């Protein structure tokens, strides 16, 4: 025993031993540190709860407005997370698990979700929109406005007015604030058909105005020029047909229109009074896509397609009609040959959808729908009734949150009435009115759906149009005299570029 202790003390007194221990300690520390740094660089993080290294995940967010504060579990993320190449926030190196993500900005309502981060995967939110706490409102001199209709090609609005027995239509330019009357008719009123609009021509140089005569309730369609340079004409007087309905402009020919009379569809060139042409007989409705004309043939309920000149032999699109043909009053809404919506007066809503993989879906979406609207890319359909908003996914959606073709989703329900349902520009949110408020709700159903109040209104009869041309949200509201007037806000926010193109009118703050 004494000899062993003696040998140990001799070894420790050897100056080479501590050096060797120190050297190998440094080597081990070097490799441990290098491994940690390399692992960190490749996305690995140490999970203290489990005592192991795990492959980290990340979070990506694209927001409106762009300048926001992002919090994860109450901790603000550094501003260097913002990537100016795609105007998004990317926060990496997050240990897999559940987190509360919040997005905040001064003057805006907050957005939040409980999310799950997974190993090696980025959890993405590409359409976060924060509603402002208040908006600068533009007020337009338009007392007594009825319905209004925005031109799809120019920044112009046509709106109706009823002054005693006189029915008027005026055109308003929100950019220049110029307003001019283009139509007046004694003993008439605007059509009571909620599906009919004032129809702008493709070049916004003419309008078709549907009006009902107070005595007898006969419907007429008047054609007026937007600049008042041409006489007002009645389509019935030009064509000699009665029982007119569904008059619309040809998308390609500025002076050509279509109309129905006694369930027959006609084409008419205003520059050639002998040009009236029968396009199809015994139809319930028709629609115009950018490339072709479609009509719903009775009694079978089959959709056919032809060209705008009606010179091609009709092509059959569907092989059967909707399941419920006891009410054959179906209006069709066509996106293209593969996507058609059917809605009748009994509020039965059907979709014909030829999928990307060749599967055909012809299904009933609702038995009490009041309206529907395709997204601009045709991949989603928004539809609604007086108390519920839903979405149908016409195509597979591979961006998070992913959805499958032919999926059906309920977005929100209310016990009291909703109205003015429509898409926003990103087609990941819907706008609507409810209980005297304009509301915004997102489609993203991961955790809760964020819903925000955009504006408070003083009555429940307001009309609402989200105009993508100038990024304004137009709406009507009663003034102090009880008359509807037109207002607008920039939504979701005003940009410097748009500000220079569309100067503001009188503005007031509104909540």
Protein backbone atom coordinates (compact mmCIF):
# COMPACT_ATOMS: atom_id res chain seq x y z
CA UNK A 1 0.00 0.00 0.00
CA UNK A 2 2.77 2.40 0.87
CA UNK A 3 4.50 1.49 -2.38
CA UNK A 4 1.38 2.27 -4.45
CA UNK A 5 0.96 5.68 -2.85
CA UNK A 6 4.60 6.34 -3.46
CA UNK A 7 4.24 5.52 -7.17
CA UNK A 8 1.15 7.76 -7.48
CA UNK A 9 2.93 10.74 -5.94
CA UNK A 10 5.89 10.14 -8.22
CA UNK A 11 3.65 10.17 -11.29
CA UNK A 12 1.93 13.35 -10.19
CA UNK A 13 5.25 15.00 -9.61
CA UNK A 14 6.17 14.17 -13.20
CA UNK A 15 5.62 17.49 -15.07
CA UNK A 16 4.53 15.69 -18.28
CA UNK A 17 1.36 14.17 -16.72
CA UNK A 18 -0.59 17.43 -15.99
CA UNK A 19 0.31 18.69 -19.45
CA UNK A 20 -1.09 15.56 -21.04
CA UNK A 21 -4.30 15.78 -19.00
CA UNK A 22 -4.69 19.45 -19.90
CA UNK A 23 -4.03 18.73 -23.58
CA UNK A 24 -6.56 15.92 -23.85
CA UNK A 25 -9.09 17.96 -21.90
CA UNK A 26 -8.72 20.73 -24.48
CA UNK A 27 -9.07 18.19 -27.29
CA UNK A 28 -12.29 16.81 -25.83
CA UNK A 29 -13.67 20.31 -25.22
CA UNK A 30 -12.71 21.31 -28.77
CA UNK A 31 -14.55 18.39 -30.31
CA UNK A 32 -17.57 18.86 -28.08
CA UNK A 33 -17.71 22.56 -28.90
CA UNK A 34 -17.15 21.94 -32.61
CA UNK A 35 -19.84 19.28 -32.68
CA UNK A 36 -22.22 21.64 -30.88
CA UNK A 37 -21.48 24.53 -33.26
CA UNK A 38 -21.79 22.32 -36.33
CA UNK A 39 -24.99 20.78 -34.99
CA UNK A 40 -26.35 24.24 -34.22
CA UNK A 41 -25.44 25.41 -37.72
CA UNK A 42 -27.31 22.45 -39.21
CA UNK A 43 -30.37 23.14 -37.08
CA UNK A 44 -29.87 20.93 -34.04
CA UNK A 45 -30.78 22.21 -30.58
CA UNK A 46 -30.37 20.71 -27.12
CA UNK A 47 -33.67 19.85 -25.49
CA UNK A 48 -33.07 20.34 -21.77
CA UNK A 49 -36.36 18.71 -20.89
CA UNK A 50 -35.39 15.42 -22.54
CA UNK A 51 -31.62 15.87 -22.28
CA UNK A 52 -30.98 15.19 -25.98
CA UNK A 53 -30.16 17.05 -29.19
CA UNK A 54 -33.12 17.45 -31.56
CA UNK A 55 -33.41 18.78 -35.08
CA UNK A 56 -35.01 22.23 -34.82
CA UNK A 57 -37.92 23.69 -36.74
CA UNK A 58 -38.77 27.23 -37.79
CA UNK A 59 -41.63 29.69 -38.27
CA UNK A 60 -42.25 31.85 -41.35
CA UNK A 61 -44.74 34.72 -41.38
CA UNK A 62 -45.77 37.22 -44.02
CA UNK A 63 -47.80 40.08 -42.63
CA UNK A 64 -49.77 43.17 -43.56
CA UNK A 65 -48.47 45.64 -42.47
CA UNK A 66 -44.86 44.57 -42.97
CA UNK A 67 -43.41 46.30 -39.92
CA UNK A 68 -44.65 44.27 -36.97
CA UNK A 69 -43.39 42.79 -33.71
CA UNK A 70 -43.42 39.01 -33.50
CA UNK A 71 -43.65 37.32 -30.11
CA UNK A 72 -43.13 33.64 -29.31
CA UNK A 73 -44.44 32.66 -25.88
CA UNK A 74 -44.32 36.33 -24.92
CA UNK A 75 -40.69 36.86 -26.01
CA UNK A 76 -40.16 39.39 -28.80
CA UNK A 77 -38.12 38.13 -31.73
CA UNK A 78 -35.19 40.20 -33.06
CA UNK A 79 -35.89 42.41 -36.06
CA UNK A 80 -33.13 40.64 -38.03
CA UNK A 81 -35.67 37.86 -38.57
CA UNK A 82 -37.24 40.00 -41.32
CA UNK A 83 -36.21 38.93 -44.83
CA UNK A 84 -36.52 41.79 -47.31
CA UNK A 85 -36.22 39.46 -50.30
CA UNK A 86 -39.73 38.12 -49.81
CA UNK A 87 -40.95 40.58 -47.16
CA UNK A 88 -41.46 37.86 -44.58
CA UNK A 89 -40.23 36.92 -41.13
CA UNK A 90 -38.27 33.69 -40.74
CA UNK A 91 -37.44 32.56 -37.22
CA UNK A 92 -35.22 29.49 -37.14
CA UNK A 93 -33.70 27.24 -34.48
CA UNK A 94 -36.94 26.57 -32.62
CA UNK A 95 -37.07 23.40 -30.53
CA UNK A 96 -40.06 21.27 -31.63
CA UNK A 97 -43.09 21.84 -29.43
CA UNK A 98 -46.16 23.98 -28.91
CA UNK A 99 -45.94 27.78 -28.82
CA UNK A 100 -48.10 30.89 -28.76
CA UNK A 101 -47.24 33.19 -31.66
CA UNK A 102 -48.43 36.81 -31.56
CA UNK A 103 -48.10 39.54 -34.18
CA UNK A 104 -48.55 43.13 -33.03
CA UNK A 105 -48.09 46.62 -34.45
CA UNK A 106 -48.94 50.08 -33.09
CA UNK A 107 -52.39 51.16 -34.26
CA UNK A 108 -53.42 47.64 -35.29
CA UNK A 109 -55.39 44.82 -33.71
CA UNK A 110 -53.21 41.89 -32.65
CA UNK A 111 -53.12 38.46 -34.30
CA UNK A 112 -52.30 35.26 -32.40
CA UNK A 113 -52.35 31.48 -32.73
CA UNK A 114 -51.24 28.46 -30.74
CA UNK A 115 -49.03 26.52 -33.12
CA UNK A 116 -46.95 23.35 -33.27
CA UNK A 117 -43.36 23.42 -34.49
CA UNK A 118 -42.00 20.16 -35.89
CA UNK A 119 -38.46 18.91 -36.41
CA UNK A 120 -36.96 20.06 -39.71
CA UNK A 121 -40.15 21.75 -40.88
CA UNK A 122 -41.07 25.42 -41.22
CA UNK A 123 -44.52 26.27 -39.90
CA UNK A 124 -45.75 28.92 -42.33
CA UNK A 125 -48.29 31.74 -42.20
CA UNK A 126 -48.26 33.65 -45.49
CA UNK A 127 -51.45 35.70 -45.18
CA UNK A 128 -51.56 37.45 -41.82
CA UNK A 129 -53.60 40.65 -42.03
CA UNK A 130 -53.88 42.98 -39.06
CA UNK A 131 -56.94 45.21 -38.96
CA UNK A 132 -56.32 48.81 -37.98
CA UNK A 133 -57.84 50.22 -34.80
CA UNK A 134 -59.33 53.05 -36.88
CA UNK A 135 -59.37 54.04 -40.55
CA UNK A 136 -59.32 57.41 -42.29
CA UNK A 137 -62.69 57.57 -44.04
CA UNK A 138 -63.30 59.27 -47.34
CA UNK A 139 -66.77 60.85 -47.64
CA UNK A 140 -68.32 61.39 -51.07
CA UNK A 141 -71.13 63.81 -51.84
CA UNK A 142 -73.75 61.21 -52.73
CA UNK A 143 -76.88 61.55 -50.56
CA UNK A 144 -79.71 59.20 -51.47
CA UNK A 145 -77.46 56.57 -53.08
CA UNK A 146 -79.12 53.22 -53.66
CA UNK A 147 -76.95 50.44 -55.03
CA UNK A 148 -73.52 51.06 -56.53
CA UNK A 149 -71.41 49.10 -59.00
CA UNK A 150 -67.66 49.43 -59.56
CA UNK A 151 -66.28 49.21 -63.08
CA UNK A 152 -63.94 46.19 -63.39
CA UNK A 153 -61.61 48.03 -65.79
CA UNK A 154 -61.56 51.65 -64.61
CA UNK A 155 -61.78 53.39 -61.28
CA UNK A 156 -65.41 54.42 -61.76
CA UNK A 157 -68.61 53.70 -59.86
CA UNK A 158 -72.18 53.80 -61.14
CA UNK A 159 -74.87 54.21 -58.52
CA UNK A 160 -78.64 54.44 -58.49
CA UNK A 161 -80.83 57.04 -56.82
CA UNK A 162 -84.58 57.18 -56.33
CA UNK A 163 -86.10 60.67 -55.94
CA UNK A 164 -89.85 60.24 -55.64
CA UNK A 165 -90.94 58.70 -58.96
CA UNK A 166 -87.68 59.50 -60.74
CA UNK A 167 -85.04 56.80 -61.09
CA UNK A 168 -81.53 58.20 -61.68
CA UNK A 169 -78.10 56.73 -62.36
CA UNK A 170 -74.91 58.71 -61.80
CA UNK A 171 -71.26 57.93 -62.48
CA UNK A 172 -68.66 58.85 -59.91
CA UNK A 173 -64.86 58.93 -60.18
CA UNK A 174 -63.40 58.40 -56.66
CA UNK A 175 -59.99 59.59 -57.82
CA UNK A 176 -61.05 62.98 -59.22
CA UNK A 177 -64.31 63.26 -57.22
CA UNK A 178 -66.13 64.09 -60.47
CA UNK A 179 -69.78 63.05 -60.70
CA UNK A 180 -72.24 63.18 -63.56
CA UNK A 181 -75.79 62.03 -64.18
CA UNK A 182 -76.18 59.67 -67.15
CA UNK A 183 -79.77 58.46 -66.79
CA UNK A 184 -83.17 59.58 -65.52
CA UNK A 185 -86.52 57.90 -66.03
CA UNK A 186 -89.90 58.94 -64.73
CA UNK A 187 -92.09 56.32 -63.03
CA UNK A 188 -89.27 53.74 -62.92
CA UNK A 189 -87.20 52.16 -60.16
CA UNK A 190 -84.10 49.99 -60.03
CA UNK A 191 -84.68 46.25 -60.46
CA UNK A 192 -85.61 44.32 -57.34
CA UNK A 193 -83.67 41.27 -58.50
CA UNK A 194 -80.70 40.97 -56.13
CA UNK A 195 -78.76 39.01 -58.75
CA UNK A 196 -78.87 41.82 -61.34
CA UNK A 197 -76.41 44.71 -61.53
CA UNK A 198 -75.75 47.77 -63.60
CA UNK A 199 -73.54 46.21 -66.27
CA UNK A 200 -70.40 48.06 -67.34
CA UNK A 201 -69.19 47.41 -70.88
CA UNK A 202 -65.66 45.90 -71.25
CA UNK A 203 -64.20 49.36 -72.01
CA UNK A 204 -66.40 51.09 -69.37
CA UNK A 205 -67.84 53.34 -72.09
CA UNK A 206 -71.44 52.14 -71.83
CA UNK A 207 -73.81 50.75 -69.21
CA UNK A 208 -76.84 48.47 -69.22
CA UNK A 209 -79.34 49.61 -66.58
CA UNK A 210 -82.12 47.21 -65.47
CA UNK A 211 -85.25 49.10 -64.40
CA UNK A 212 -88.83 48.23 -63.51
CA UNK A 213 -91.81 50.38 -64.45
CA UNK A 214 -93.79 51.29 -61.36
CA UNK A 215 -97.09 50.65 -63.13
CA UNK A 216 -97.35 47.01 -64.16
CA UNK A 217 -93.87 45.98 -62.99
CA UNK A 218 -92.52 45.49 -66.51
CA UNK A 219 -88.72 45.16 -66.67
CA UNK A 220 -86.72 47.13 -69.22
CA UNK A 221 -83.01 47.42 -69.95
CA UNK A 222 -81.66 50.83 -70.91
CA UNK A 223 -78.30 51.44 -72.61
CA UNK A 224 -76.51 54.69 -71.79
CA UNK A 225 -73.07 56.04 -72.61
CA UNK A 226 -70.76 56.85 -69.72
CA UNK A 227 -69.88 60.26 -71.21
CA UNK A 228 -73.43 61.21 -72.20
CA UNK A 229 -72.48 61.46 -75.88
CA UNK A 230 -75.11 58.99 -77.13
CA UNK A 231 -78.86 58.80 -76.79
CA UNK A 232 -80.43 56.51 -74.22
CA UNK A 233 -82.00 53.46 -75.85
CA UNK A 234 -84.32 50.73 -74.60
CA UNK A 235 -83.25 47.22 -75.58
CA UNK A 236 -86.89 46.19 -75.99
CA UNK A 237 -87.42 48.97 -78.55
CA UNK A 238 -84.28 47.95 -80.46
CA UNK A 239 -84.99 44.22 -80.57
CA UNK A 240 -88.79 44.07 -80.50
CA UNK A 241 -88.69 41.40 -77.78
CA UNK A 242 -90.66 41.35 -74.54
CA UNK A 243 -90.12 39.63 -71.19
CA UNK A 244 -86.45 40.57 -71.22
CA UNK A 245 -83.96 39.33 -68.62
CA UNK A 246 -80.25 38.75 -68.03
CA UNK A 247 -78.86 41.39 -70.35
CA UNK A 248 -75.03 41.44 -70.39
CA UNK A 249 -72.15 42.74 -72.48
CA UNK A 250 -69.97 40.58 -74.70
CA UNK A 251 -66.53 40.48 -72.96
CA UNK A 252 -64.67 40.88 -76.26
CA UNK A 253 -66.88 43.18 -78.33
CA UNK A 254 -67.67 46.51 -76.74
CA UNK A 255 -70.95 47.16 -78.59
CA UNK A 256 -72.34 43.61 -78.54
CA UNK A 257 -74.69 42.34 -75.87
CA UNK A 258 -76.62 39.21 -74.93
CA UNK A 259 -80.08 38.99 -73.42
CA UNK A 260 -82.84 36.47 -72.72
CA UNK A 261 -86.46 36.66 -73.81
CA UNK A 262 -88.99 33.92 -72.97
CA UNK A 263 -86.15 31.51 -72.03
CA UNK A 264 -84.36 32.06 -75.35
CA UNK A 265 -80.86 33.55 -75.57
CA UNK A 266 -80.04 36.21 -78.16
CA UNK A 267 -76.95 38.07 -79.34
CA UNK A 268 -77.30 41.66 -80.60
CA UNK A 269 -74.83 44.14 -82.13
CA UNK A 270 -75.79 47.73 -81.37
CA UNK A 271 -74.02 48.91 -84.51
CA UNK A 272 -76.15 46.64 -86.72
CA UNK A 273 -79.86 46.64 -85.90
CA UNK A 274 -80.40 43.62 -88.18
CA UNK A 275 -77.85 41.51 -86.29
CA UNK A 276 -80.16 39.85 -83.74
CA UNK A 277 -79.20 36.19 -83.53
CA UNK A 278 -80.81 33.32 -81.65
CA UNK A 279 -78.03 31.57 -79.71
CA UNK A 280 -79.97 28.93 -77.74
CA UNK A 281 -83.57 27.98 -76.98
CA UNK A 282 -85.23 26.86 -73.76
CA UNK A 283 -82.48 27.76 -71.30
CA UNK A 284 -82.66 28.78 -67.65
CA UNK A 285 -79.56 30.97 -67.61
CA UNK A 286 -76.19 31.67 -69.18
CA UNK A 287 -72.79 33.02 -68.16
CA UNK A 288 -69.77 34.52 -69.88
CA UNK A 289 -66.22 33.52 -69.12
CA UNK A 290 -63.30 35.49 -70.60
CA UNK A 291 -63.13 32.97 -73.44
CA UNK A 292 -66.59 31.52 -74.11
CA UNK A 293 -70.34 31.61 -73.57
CA UNK A 294 -72.02 28.93 -71.44
CA UNK A 295 -75.73 28.19 -71.07
CA UNK A 296 -77.88 25.90 -68.93
CA UNK A 297 -80.17 23.91 -71.21
CA UNK A 298 -83.60 22.67 -70.14
CA UNK A 299 -85.18 20.28 -69.39
CA UNK A 300 -82.18 18.00 -68.71
CA UNK A 301 -80.10 20.67 -67.00
CA UNK A 302 -76.99 20.25 -69.17
CA UNK A 303 -74.36 22.98 -69.58
CA UNK A 304 -73.14 23.75 -73.10
CA UNK A 305 -70.41 26.04 -74.41
CA UNK A 306 -70.09 28.05 -77.60
CA UNK A 307 -68.05 31.01 -78.83
CA UNK A 308 -69.21 34.61 -78.42
CA UNK A 309 -70.26 34.83 -82.07
CA UNK A 310 -72.37 31.68 -81.58
CA UNK A 311 -70.92 30.28 -84.79
CA UNK A 312 -69.38 27.13 -83.27
CA UNK A 313 -71.39 23.97 -82.77
CA UNK A 314 -72.15 23.85 -79.00
CA UNK A 315 -69.86 21.70 -76.86
CA UNK A 316 -71.43 19.71 -74.05
CA UNK A 317 -69.69 20.43 -70.71
CA UNK A 318 -71.68 18.41 -68.15
CA UNK A 319 -73.22 14.97 -68.64
CA UNK A 320 -76.06 15.40 -66.14
CA UNK A 321 -77.93 18.12 -64.32
CA UNK A 322 -78.07 18.94 -60.61
CA UNK A 323 -79.76 16.32 -58.45
CA UNK A 324 -82.70 18.62 -57.70
CA UNK A 325 -84.37 19.65 -60.96
CA UNK A 326 -87.83 20.17 -59.43
CA UNK A 327 -86.79 23.83 -59.30
CA UNK A 328 -84.92 24.34 -62.57
CA UNK A 329 -84.37 28.09 -62.07
CA UNK A 330 -80.60 27.60 -61.82
CA UNK A 331 -78.29 30.51 -62.42
CA UNK A 332 -74.84 29.30 -63.45
CA UNK A 333 -71.53 30.89 -62.50
CA UNK A 334 -68.69 29.70 -64.71
CA UNK A 335 -64.98 29.90 -63.98
CA UNK A 336 -63.96 27.76 -66.97
CA UNK A 337 -64.89 24.49 -68.71
CA UNK A 338 -63.99 22.49 -65.59
CA UNK A 339 -65.61 24.60 -62.85
CA UNK A 340 -69.28 25.59 -62.81
CA UNK A 341 -71.56 26.61 -59.94
CA UNK A 342 -75.37 26.19 -59.97
CA UNK A 343 -77.73 28.12 -57.67
CA UNK A 344 -81.54 28.11 -57.98
CA UNK A 345 -84.30 30.15 -56.35
CA UNK A 346 -84.81 27.40 -53.77
CA UNK A 347 -81.22 28.14 -52.65
CA UNK A 348 -79.84 24.77 -53.77
CA UNK A 349 -76.13 25.19 -54.54
CA UNK A 350 -74.22 22.63 -56.63
CA UNK A 351 -70.66 22.53 -57.95
CA UNK A 352 -69.41 20.79 -61.08
CA UNK A 353 -65.68 20.33 -60.70
CA UNK A 354 -63.44 18.38 -63.06
CA UNK A 355 -60.40 17.86 -60.85
CA UNK A 356 -56.75 18.05 -61.79
CA UNK A 357 -56.41 14.25 -61.69
CA UNK A 358 -59.47 13.69 -63.88
CA UNK A 359 -61.95 13.00 -61.07
CA UNK A 360 -65.34 14.63 -61.62
CA UNK A 361 -67.18 16.05 -58.63
CA UNK A 362 -70.81 17.04 -59.06
CA UNK A 363 -72.05 17.61 -55.54
CA UNK A 364 -74.49 19.65 -53.54
CA UNK A 365 -72.71 22.18 -51.36
CA UNK A 366 -75.74 23.69 -49.64
CA UNK A 367 -79.53 23.55 -49.61
CA UNK A 368 -79.90 27.12 -48.33
CA UNK A 369 -77.19 29.16 -50.05
CA UNK A 370 -77.79 32.77 -51.06
CA UNK A 371 -74.54 33.48 -52.96
CA UNK A 372 -71.13 32.26 -54.05
CA UNK A 373 -67.88 33.66 -55.45
CA UNK A 374 -64.84 32.00 -57.03
CA UNK A 375 -61.37 33.12 -56.03
CA UNK A 376 -59.47 34.82 -58.85
CA UNK A 377 -57.34 31.71 -59.47
CA UNK A 378 -60.37 29.41 -59.43
CA UNK A 379 -58.97 27.24 -56.65
CA UNK A 380 -61.51 28.19 -53.99
CA UNK A 381 -65.21 28.92 -53.84
CA UNK A 382 -66.71 31.09 -51.13
CA UNK A 383 -70.42 30.54 -50.49
CA UNK A 384 -72.85 31.67 -47.83
CA UNK A 385 -76.38 32.07 -46.51
CA UNK A 386 -77.92 34.48 -44.02
CA UNK A 387 -76.11 32.93 -41.05
CA UNK A 388 -73.09 30.95 -42.25
CA UNK A 389 -70.01 31.33 -44.48
CA UNK A 390 -68.25 28.31 -45.99
CA UNK A 391 -65.51 27.51 -48.50
CA UNK A 392 -65.08 24.72 -51.02
CA UNK A 393 -61.61 23.89 -52.34
CA UNK A 394 -61.82 23.34 -56.07
CA UNK A 395 -58.12 22.49 -56.38
CA UNK A 396 -55.47 21.08 -54.08
CA UNK A 397 -53.80 23.82 -52.05
CA UNK A 398 -50.20 22.92 -51.19
CA UNK A 399 -49.22 26.11 -49.35
CA UNK A 400 -49.70 25.92 -45.60
CA UNK A 401 -52.34 25.38 -44.39
CA UNK A 402 -52.70 22.65 -47.02
CA UNK A 403 -56.12 21.61 -48.30
CA UNK A 404 -57.27 18.83 -50.58
CA UNK A 405 -59.32 19.06 -53.73
CA UNK A 406 -63.06 18.69 -53.03
CA UNK A 407 -62.66 19.66 -49.34
CA UNK A 408 -65.52 21.57 -47.72
CA UNK A 409 -64.95 23.97 -44.81
CA UNK A 410 -67.27 25.91 -42.54
CA UNK A 411 -65.71 29.31 -41.79
CA UNK A 412 -68.11 30.97 -39.35
CA UNK A 413 -71.71 30.95 -38.09
CA UNK A 414 -73.88 33.66 -36.54
CA UNK A 415 -77.31 33.58 -35.00
CA UNK A 416 -78.12 37.03 -36.41
CA UNK A 417 -78.00 37.87 -40.10
CA UNK A 418 -74.83 38.33 -42.11
CA UNK A 419 -74.49 40.00 -45.51
CA UNK A 420 -72.13 41.51 -48.11
CA UNK A 421 -69.93 38.39 -48.07
CA UNK A 422 -66.90 38.61 -50.38
CA UNK A 423 -63.26 37.70 -50.82
CA UNK A 424 -60.33 39.93 -49.92
CA UNK A 425 -57.44 40.36 -52.32
CA UNK A 426 -55.39 37.46 -50.86
CA UNK A 427 -58.37 35.05 -51.07
CA UNK A 428 -57.45 33.80 -47.61
CA UNK A 429 -59.87 36.14 -45.82
CA UNK A 430 -63.54 37.01 -46.17
CA UNK A 431 -65.26 40.33 -45.51
CA UNK A 432 -68.86 40.52 -44.37
CA UNK A 433 -71.31 42.62 -42.38
CA UNK A 434 -72.99 41.52 -39.17
CA UNK A 435 -74.73 43.40 -36.38
CA UNK A 436 -73.87 46.84 -37.86
CA UNK A 437 -70.16 45.97 -38.22
CA UNK A 438 -67.84 45.20 -41.12
CA UNK A 439 -65.84 42.13 -40.13
CA UNK A 440 -62.76 40.33 -41.45
CA UNK A 441 -62.17 36.62 -40.87
CA UNK A 442 -59.33 34.36 -42.01
CA UNK A 443 -59.75 30.92 -43.58
CA UNK A 444 -56.78 29.47 -41.67
CA UNK A 445 -58.32 27.11 -39.14
CA UNK A 446 -55.12 26.12 -37.35
CA UNK A 447 -56.03 26.82 -33.72
CA UNK A 448 -58.68 29.57 -33.68
CA UNK A 449 -59.66 31.75 -36.62
CA UNK A 450 -58.71 35.38 -36.14
CA UNK A 451 -61.66 37.69 -36.71
CA UNK A 452 -61.56 41.46 -36.45
CA UNK A 453 -64.02 44.35 -36.62
CA UNK A 454 -63.05 46.74 -39.44
CA UNK A 455 -65.75 49.39 -39.07
CA UNK A 456 -68.84 50.12 -37.01
CA UNK A 457 -71.90 51.21 -39.03
CA UNK A 458 -74.98 53.13 -37.97
CA UNK A 459 -77.49 50.77 -39.61
CA UNK A 460 -77.77 47.24 -41.00
CA UNK A 461 -78.67 48.13 -44.60
CA UNK A 462 -75.19 49.15 -45.71
CA UNK A 463 -73.76 47.85 -48.98
CA UNK A 464 -70.10 46.87 -49.23
CA UNK A 465 -67.70 46.44 -52.17
CA UNK A 466 -63.99 45.59 -51.80
CA UNK A 467 -62.44 47.14 -54.92
CA UNK A 468 -59.07 45.63 -55.84
CA UNK A 469 -58.40 48.27 -58.52
CA UNK A 470 -57.65 51.05 -56.05
CA UNK A 471 -57.40 48.97 -52.83
CA UNK A 472 -60.40 50.71 -51.33
CA UNK A 473 -63.31 49.32 -49.42
CA UNK A 474 -66.47 51.19 -50.49
CA UNK A 475 -69.60 51.15 -48.36
CA UNK A 476 -72.85 53.03 -47.85
CA UNK A 477 -74.06 54.44 -44.55
CA UNK A 478 -76.96 56.66 -43.54
CA UNK A 479 -76.22 60.37 -42.97
CA UNK A 480 -77.85 62.66 -40.43
CA UNK A 481 -80.89 63.06 -42.71
CA UNK A 482 -81.38 59.28 -42.92
CA UNK A 483 -80.14 59.05 -46.52
CA UNK A 484 -77.52 56.57 -47.67
CA UNK A 485 -74.20 58.12 -48.71
CA UNK A 486 -71.03 56.59 -50.14
CA UNK A 487 -67.78 56.31 -48.16
CA UNK A 488 -64.46 54.49 -48.55
CA UNK A 489 -61.40 53.44 -46.61
CA UNK A 490 -58.08 52.10 -47.81
CA UNK A 491 -58.06 48.41 -46.98
CA UNK A 492 -56.06 46.63 -45.72
CA UNK A 493 -53.81 49.70 -45.68
CA UNK A 494 -52.81 52.65 -47.79
CA UNK A 495 -49.53 52.52 -49.68
CA UNK A 496 -47.41 55.39 -50.97
CA UNK A 497 -47.81 54.13 -54.55
CA UNK A 498 -51.59 54.07 -54.36
CA UNK A 499 -51.64 57.35 -52.50
CA UNK A 500 -49.98 59.08 -55.45
CA UNK A 501 -52.35 57.49 -57.97
CA UNK A 502 -55.61 58.03 -56.11
CA UNK A 503 -55.64 61.29 -54.12
CA UNK A 504 -57.95 61.33 -51.14
CA UNK A 505 -61.16 63.27 -50.76
CA UNK A 506 -62.52 64.57 -47.49
CA UNK A 507 -61.37 62.28 -44.69
CA UNK A 508 -62.62 61.60 -41.20
CA UNK A 509 -61.56 59.05 -38.64
CA UNK A 510 -63.90 56.13 -38.18
CA UNK A 511 -63.91 52.98 -36.09
